Amino acid sequence: MDVREPFEWEICRIAGSVLMPLGDVPRRFAELDRGASVITICHTGVRSLDAARFLRSRGIARARSLRGGVAAWADQVDRSMARY
């Protein structure tokens, strides 16, 4: 679950991730499967950590943040990914 803004999503994204901007999470989290593993993603890991904490507080126990966000993903996993 990518919690960045749509303009950031357009620059780069991790395949298979779903866009749900951080500001939308409080009203949209019910769309998520409570029993699923949910990995939250942002640019550097700060917003996604907030999102994961929020989700866990709402009963989505397996919510985790991708440490370092898409910036780290681009450096460590997919060097072809656009950076910003």
C-alpha atoms as a PDB file:
ATOM      1  CA  MET A   1       0.000   0.000   0.000  1.00  0.00           C
ATOM      2  CA  ASP A   2       1.679   3.164  -1.226  1.00  0.00           C
ATOM      3  CA  VAL A   3       0.800   6.156   0.972  1.00  0.00           C
ATOM      4  CA  ARG A   4       2.465   8.773  -1.226  1.00  0.00           C
ATOM      5  CA  GLU A   5       0.571  11.397  -3.208  1.00  0.00           C
ATOM      6  CA  PRO A   6      -0.597  10.684  -6.780  1.00  0.00           C
ATOM      7  CA  PHE A   7       2.104  12.929  -8.300  1.00  0.00           C
ATOM      8  CA  GLU A   8       4.780  10.859  -6.522  1.00  0.00           C
ATOM      9  CA  TRP A   9       3.122   7.612  -7.642  1.00  0.00           C
ATOM     10  CA  GLU A  10       3.370   8.814 -11.246  1.00  0.00           C
ATOM     11  CA  ILE A  11       7.146   9.252 -10.938  1.00  0.00           C
ATOM     12  CA  CYS A  12       7.821   5.722  -9.722  1.00  0.00           C
ATOM     13  CA  ARG A  13       6.139   2.848  -7.929  1.00  0.00           C
ATOM     14  CA  ILE A  14       6.807  -0.677  -6.790  1.00  0.00           C
ATOM     15  CA  ALA A  15       4.957  -3.151  -9.009  1.00  0.00           C
ATOM     16  CA  GLY A  16       1.809  -4.476  -7.386  1.00  0.00           C
ATOM     17  CA  SER A  17       1.485  -1.698  -4.846  1.00  0.00           C
ATOM     18  CA  VAL A  18      -1.865   0.044  -4.409  1.00  0.00           C
ATOM     19  CA  LEU A  19      -2.095   3.808  -4.013  1.00  0.00           C
ATOM     20  CA  MET A  20      -3.806   5.025  -0.836  1.00  0.00           C
ATOM     21  CA  PRO A  21      -2.430   8.478   0.068  1.00  0.00           C
ATOM     22  CA  LEU A  22      -1.757   8.929   3.763  1.00  0.00           C
ATOM     23  CA  GLY A  23      -4.535  11.493   4.119  1.00  0.00           C
ATOM     24  CA  ASP A  24      -7.038   8.936   2.799  1.00  0.00           C
ATOM     25  CA  VAL A  25      -5.985   6.083   5.088  1.00  0.00           C
ATOM     26  CA  PRO A  26      -8.300   6.960   8.037  1.00  0.00           C
ATOM     27  CA  ARG A  27     -11.387   6.774   5.834  1.00  0.00           C
ATOM     28  CA  ARG A  28     -10.241   3.950   3.530  1.00  0.00           C
ATOM     29  CA  PHE A  29      -8.450   1.453   5.805  1.00  0.00           C
ATOM     30  CA  ALA A  30     -11.603  -0.674   6.005  1.00  0.00           C
ATOM     31  CA  GLU A  31     -10.919  -1.639   2.362  1.00  0.00           C
ATOM     32  CA  LEU A  32      -7.931  -3.677   3.588  1.00  0.00           C
ATOM     33  CA  ASP A  33      -8.045  -7.313   4.633  1.00  0.00           C
ATOM     34  CA  ARG A  34      -7.488  -7.341   8.419  1.00  0.00           C
ATOM     35  CA  GLY A  35      -5.765 -10.723   8.217  1.00  0.00           C
ATOM     36  CA  ALA A  36      -3.400  -9.869   5.391  1.00  0.00           C
ATOM     37  CA  SER A  37       0.172  -8.664   5.575  1.00  0.00           C
ATOM     38  CA  VAL A  38       0.137  -5.007   4.576  1.00  0.00           C
ATOM     39  CA  ILE A  39       3.394  -3.307   3.653  1.00  0.00           C
ATOM     40  CA  THR A  40       3.135   0.469   3.638  1.00  0.00           C
ATOM     41  CA  ILE A  41       5.410   2.422   1.311  1.00  0.00           C
ATOM     42  CA  CYS A  42       6.350   6.088   0.940  1.00  0.00           C
ATOM     43  CA  HIS A  43       9.378   8.014  -0.320  1.00  0.00           C
ATOM     44  CA  THR A  44      11.751   7.543   2.626  1.00  0.00           C
ATOM     45  CA  GLY A  45       9.788   5.555   5.200  1.00  0.00           C
ATOM     46  CA  VAL A  46       8.439   8.274   7.499  1.00  0.00           C
ATOM     47  CA  ARG A  47       4.842   8.513   6.248  1.00  0.00           C
ATOM     48  CA  SER A  48       4.628   4.771   5.758  1.00  0.00           C
ATOM     49  CA  LEU A  49       5.688   4.195   9.364  1.00  0.00           C
ATOM     50  CA  ASP A  50       2.855   6.490  10.501  1.00  0.00           C
ATOM     51  CA  ALA A  51       0.433   4.577   8.271  1.00  0.00           C
ATOM     52  CA  ALA A  52       1.563   1.185   9.571  1.00  0.00           C
ATOM     53  CA  ARG A  53       1.183   2.339  13.173  1.00  0.00           C
ATOM     54  CA  PHE A  54      -2.297   3.655  12.423  1.00  0.00           C
ATOM     55  CA  LEU A  55      -3.311   0.396  10.727  1.00  0.00           C
ATOM     56  CA  ARG A  56      -2.038  -1.705  13.635  1.00  0.00           C
ATOM     57  CA  SER A  57      -4.017   0.512  16.037  1.00  0.00           C
ATOM     58  CA  ARG A  58      -7.112  -0.312  13.978  1.00  0.00           C
ATOM     59  CA  GLY A  59      -6.621  -4.074  14.126  1.00  0.00           C
ATOM     60  CA  ILE A  60      -4.494  -4.746  11.064  1.00  0.00           C
ATOM     61  CA  ALA A  61      -1.830  -6.503  13.098  1.00  0.00           C
ATOM     62  CA  ARG A  62       0.441  -7.453  10.203  1.00  0.00           C
ATOM     63  CA  ALA A  63       0.939  -3.884   8.900  1.00  0.00           C
ATOM     64  CA  ARG A  64       4.607  -3.020   8.420  1.00  0.00           C
ATOM     65  CA  SER A  65       6.491  -0.129   6.849  1.00  0.00           C
ATOM     66  CA  LEU A  66       9.083  -0.566   4.103  1.00  0.00           C
ATOM     67  CA  ARG A  67      12.206   0.857   5.745  1.00  0.00           C
ATOM     68  CA  GLY A  68      13.746   3.556   3.570  1.00  0.00           C
ATOM     69  CA  GLY A  69      10.758   3.669   1.194  1.00  0.00           C
ATOM     70  CA  VAL A  70      11.022   3.757  -2.577  1.00  0.00           C
ATOM     71  CA  ALA A  71      14.320   5.637  -2.259  1.00  0.00           C
ATOM     72  CA  ALA A  72      15.934   2.608  -0.600  1.00  0.00           C
ATOM     73  CA  TRP A  73      14.125   0.236  -2.980  1.00  0.00           C
ATOM     74  CA  ALA A  74      15.633   2.116  -5.937  1.00  0.00           C
ATOM     75  CA  ASP A  75      19.117   1.923  -4.377  1.00  0.00           C
ATOM     76  CA  GLN A  76      18.998  -1.674  -3.170  1.00  0.00           C
ATOM     77  CA  VAL A  77      16.501  -3.606  -5.292  1.00  0.00           C
ATOM     78  CA  ASP A  78      15.639  -1.883  -8.577  1.00  0.00           C
ATOM     79  CA  ARG A  79      18.361   0.457  -9.745  1.00  0.00           C
ATOM     80  CA  SER A  80      16.361   1.230 -12.898  1.00  0.00           C
ATOM     81  CA  MET A  81      13.610   2.897 -10.850  1.00  0.00           C
ATOM     82  CA  ALA A  82      13.223   6.647 -11.284  1.00  0.00           C
ATOM     83  CA  ARG A  83      14.314   8.694  -8.295  1.00  0.00           C
ATOM     84  CA  TYR A  84      13.122  12.029  -6.984  1.00  0.00           C
END
